[in-house]
C-alpha atoms as a PDB file:
ATOM      1  CA  MET A   1     253.790  37.115  36.233  1.00  0.00           C
ATOM      2  CA  GLY A   2     252.018  34.756  38.679  1.00  0.00           C
ATOM      3  CA  TYR A   3     254.902  33.163  40.256  1.00  0.00           C
ATOM      4  CA  SER A   4     258.684  33.837  41.379  1.00  0.00           C
ATOM      5  CA  VAL A   5     261.585  31.292  41.775  1.00  0.00           C
ATOM      6  CA  VAL A   6     265.063  31.599  42.992  1.00  0.00           C
ATOM      7  CA  ASN A   7     267.808  29.081  44.434  1.00  0.00           C
ATOM      8  CA  ILE A   8     269.344  30.006  47.786  1.00  0.00           C
ATOM      9  CA  ARG A   9     273.088  29.365  45.948  1.00  0.00           C
ATOM     10  CA  ASP A  10     272.049  32.237  44.052  1.00  0.00           C
ATOM     11  CA  LEU A  11     271.531  34.571  46.562  1.00  0.00           C
ATOM     12  CA  GLU A  12     274.148  36.741  48.643  1.00  0.00           C
ATOM     13  CA  ALA A  13     274.637  36.122  52.253  1.00  0.00           C
ATOM     14  CA  GLY A  14     274.142  39.474  54.392  1.00  0.00           C
ATOM     15  CA  GLY A  15     272.242  40.131  57.834  1.00  0.00           C
ATOM     16  CA  PRO A  16     274.421  41.035  61.036  1.00  0.00           C
ATOM     17  CA  THR A  17     276.138  37.496  60.854  1.00  0.00           C
ATOM     18  CA  GLY A  18     276.888  37.032  57.470  1.00  0.00           C
ATOM     19  CA  ALA A  19     274.177  33.993  57.721  1.00  0.00           C
ATOM     20  CA  VAL A  20     270.983  35.244  56.127  1.00  0.00           C
ATOM     21  CA  ARG A  21     269.826  34.919  52.755  1.00  0.00           C
ATOM     22  CA  PHE A  22     266.668  37.524  52.042  1.00  0.00           C
ATOM     23  CA  VAL A  23     264.615  35.070  50.078  1.00  0.00           C
ATOM     24  CA  ARG A  24     261.397  37.132  50.542  1.00  0.00           C
ATOM     25  CA  ARG A  25     262.938  40.009  48.735  1.00  0.00           C
ATOM     26  CA  GLU A  26     264.164  38.093  46.289  1.00  0.00           C
ATOM     27  CA  LEU A  27     260.649  36.036  45.648  1.00  0.00           C
ATOM     28  CA  GLY A  28     258.949  39.619  46.006  1.00  0.00           C
ATOM     29  CA  VAL A  29     256.732  38.230  48.983  1.00  0.00           C
ATOM     30  CA  GLU A  30     254.366  41.019  50.386  1.00  0.00           C
ATOM     31  CA  ALA A  31     252.510  38.683  53.047  1.00  0.00           C
ATOM     32  CA  PHE A  32     254.974  37.127  55.388  1.00  0.00           C
ATOM     33  CA  GLY A  33     258.732  37.220  55.933  1.00  0.00           C
ATOM     34  CA  LEU A  34     260.911  34.615  54.795  1.00  0.00           C
ATOM     35  CA  ASN A  35     264.794  33.986  55.313  1.00  0.00           C
ATOM     36  CA  TRP A  36     266.987  31.165  55.065  1.00  0.00           C
ATOM     37  CA  PHE A  37     269.889  30.995  57.543  1.00  0.00           C
ATOM     38  CA  GLU A  38     272.876  29.079  57.334  1.00  0.00           C
ATOM     39  CA  LEU A  39     275.183  28.916  60.355  1.00  0.00           C
ATOM     40  CA  PRO A  40     278.731  27.528  60.239  1.00  0.00           C
ATOM     41  CA  PRO A  41     279.656  24.497  63.152  1.00  0.00           C
ATOM     42  CA  ASN A  42     279.288  25.805  66.756  1.00  0.00           C
ATOM     43  CA  ALA A  43     278.476  29.366  65.887  1.00  0.00           C
ATOM     44  CA  GLU A  44     276.141  31.725  67.590  1.00  0.00           C
ATOM     45  CA  GLY A  45     273.409  33.380  65.839  1.00  0.00           C
ATOM     46  CA  PHE A  46     272.018  37.042  66.213  1.00  0.00           C
ATOM     47  CA  GLU A  47     270.014  37.213  68.953  1.00  0.00           C
ATOM     48  CA  HIS A  48     267.025  39.488  68.959  1.00  0.00           C
ATOM     49  CA  ASP A  49     263.338  39.726  69.564  1.00  0.00           C
ATOM     50  CA  GLU A  50     260.607  41.113  67.024  1.00  0.00           C
ATOM     51  CA  LYS A  51     258.977  43.697  69.214  1.00  0.00           C
ATOM     52  CA  GLY A  52     259.476  46.546  66.839  1.00  0.00           C
ATOM     53  CA  SER A  53     257.809  44.528  64.074  1.00  0.00           C
ATOM     54  CA  GLN A  54     255.300  42.469  65.956  1.00  0.00           C
ATOM     55  CA  GLN A  55     256.076  39.362  63.968  1.00  0.00           C
ATOM     56  CA  GLU A  56     255.072  36.031  65.137  1.00  0.00           C
ATOM     57  CA  GLU A  57     257.857  33.888  63.974  1.00  0.00           C
ATOM     58  CA  VAL A  58     258.386  30.181  63.060  1.00  0.00           C
ATOM     59  CA  ASN A  59     261.797  28.760  62.423  1.00  0.00           C
ATOM     60  CA  VAL A  60     262.213  25.170  61.091  1.00  0.00           C
ATOM     61  CA  VAL A  61     265.203  23.492  61.219  1.00  0.00           C
ATOM     62  CA  ILE A  62     266.179  21.730  57.553  1.00  0.00           C
ATOM     63  CA  GLU A  63     269.749  20.664  58.431  1.00  0.00           C
ATOM     64  CA  GLY A  64     272.199  20.112  61.109  1.00  0.00           C
ATOM     65  CA  GLY A  65     271.065  21.193  64.695  1.00  0.00           C
ATOM     66  CA  GLY A  66     272.209  22.304  67.725  1.00  0.00           C
ATOM     67  CA  ARG A  67     270.611  24.516  70.400  1.00  0.00           C
ATOM     68  CA  TRP A  68     267.964  27.772  70.732  1.00  0.00           C
ATOM     69  CA  ARG A  69     268.548  30.333  73.462  1.00  0.00           C
ATOM     70  CA  ILE A  70     264.994  31.077  74.310  1.00  0.00           C
ATOM     71  CA  ASP A  71     264.568  33.733  76.830  1.00  0.00           C
ATOM     72  CA  GLY A  72     267.965  32.487  78.645  1.00  0.00           C
ATOM     73  CA  GLU A  73     266.687  28.460  78.176  1.00  0.00           C
ATOM     74  CA  GLU A  74     268.611  26.379  76.042  1.00  0.00           C
ATOM     75  CA  ILE A  75     266.298  23.667  74.029  1.00  0.00           C
ATOM     76  CA  ASP A  76     268.007  21.370  71.808  1.00  0.00           C
ATOM     77  CA  VAL A  77     267.005  21.434  67.960  1.00  0.00           C
ATOM     78  CA  GLU A  78     267.860  18.878  65.255  1.00  0.00           C
ATOM     79  CA  ARG A  79     266.601  18.262  61.572  1.00  0.00           C
ATOM     80  CA  GLY A  80     262.793  18.779  61.681  1.00  0.00           C
ATOM     81  CA  SER A  81     262.689  20.870  64.582  1.00  0.00           C
ATOM     82  CA  VAL A  82     259.665  23.729  64.385  1.00  0.00           C
ATOM     83  CA  LEU A  83     260.043  26.302  66.877  1.00  0.00           C
ATOM     84  CA  ARG A  84     257.286  29.253  67.229  1.00  0.00           C
ATOM     85  CA  PHE A  85     258.150  32.626  68.739  1.00  0.00           C
ATOM     86  CA  ASP A  86     255.772  35.276  70.201  1.00  0.00           C
ATOM     87  CA  PRO A  87     257.276  38.919  69.203  1.00  0.00           C
ATOM     88  CA  GLU A  88     258.526  39.648  72.483  1.00  0.00           C
ATOM     89  CA  THR A  89     260.461  36.694  73.177  1.00  0.00           C
ATOM     90  CA  THR A  90     263.852  36.969  73.072  1.00  0.00           C
ATOM     91  CA  ARG A  91     265.824  34.047  70.700  1.00  0.00           C
ATOM     92  CA  CYS A  92     269.288  33.226  69.324  1.00  0.00           C
ATOM     93  CA  PRO A  93     270.238  30.239  67.370  1.00  0.00           C
ATOM     94  CA  LEU A  94     273.491  28.184  68.523  1.00  0.00           C
ATOM     95  CA  ALA A  95     274.820  25.482  65.926  1.00  0.00           C
ATOM     96  CA  GLY A  96     276.189  22.358  66.822  1.00  0.00           C
ATOM     97  CA  PRO A  97     279.200  20.625  65.471  1.00  0.00           C
ATOM     98  CA  ASP A  98     277.445  20.075  62.172  1.00  0.00           C
ATOM     99  CA  GLY A  99     276.606  23.586  61.787  1.00  0.00           C
ATOM    100  CA  MET A 100     272.768  24.716  61.506  1.00  0.00           C
ATOM    101  CA  THR A 101     270.331  25.469  58.545  1.00  0.00           C
ATOM    102  CA  PHE A 102     266.849  27.045  59.102  1.00  0.00           C
ATOM    103  CA  VAL A 103     264.298  28.504  57.467  1.00  0.00           C
ATOM    104  CA  ALA A 104     262.503  31.484  59.450  1.00  0.00           C
ATOM    105  CA  ILE A 105     258.717  32.753  58.229  1.00  0.00           C
ATOM    106  CA  GLY A 106     257.265  35.556  60.199  1.00  0.00           C
ATOM    107  CA  ALA A 107     254.247  37.776  59.912  1.00  0.00           C
ATOM    108  CA  ARG A 108     252.154  40.302  62.258  1.00  0.00           C
ATOM    109  CA  ARG A 109     249.944  38.426  64.585  1.00  0.00           C
ATOM    110  CA  GLY A 110     246.403  38.250  63.258  1.00  0.00           C
ATOM    111  CA  SER A 111     247.324  38.992  59.829  1.00  0.00           C
ATOM    112  CA  TYR A 112     246.627  35.580  58.597  1.00  0.00           C
ATOM    113  CA  ASP A 113     242.976  34.950  58.119  1.00  0.00           C
ATOM    114  CA  ALA A 114     242.147  31.046  58.490  1.00  0.00           C
ATOM    115  CA  ARG A 115     240.005  29.534  56.084  1.00  0.00           C
ATOM    116  CA  GLY A 116     238.387  26.047  55.881  1.00  0.00           C
ATOM    117  CA  PRO A 117     239.080  22.976  58.261  1.00  0.00           C
ATOM    118  CA  PHE A 118     243.131  23.467  57.841  1.00  0.00           C
END
C-alpha cells in the first residue's frame, strides 16, 4: 500500500511523561521522526537534547501555548509558533494554563535533499 493513515485519538499515550503519541511508528515513516505531544495545563515536558541521535528537530505548537526552556532561557510560545533546535540544544516544553499540544519532527542533519526553489 502506498499510504498510511492514523488518528491521534486511536494512539496510546506513552513516553517518559505519558504525553507523547508515537505517530512515526504507527504510520511506518522511515525518513524522519514524527510525534504528537499533549501537555496538560501547567505541566512540564521532558527536558532533553538530541546529541545521541544527531537529529535536528522542529516543533510546531498547534493548540494552547506556554513557554519553551531552551538552554536555560525561556521563550513564550502560542498556537502557530514553530521552533527549530540543533541536536546539542537542551529544550523543555512548559505548558501554560490551557495546556499545549505540539508536533515534533526530526531527522539527522544533512539527510534532506533540497529540490527545486522551495
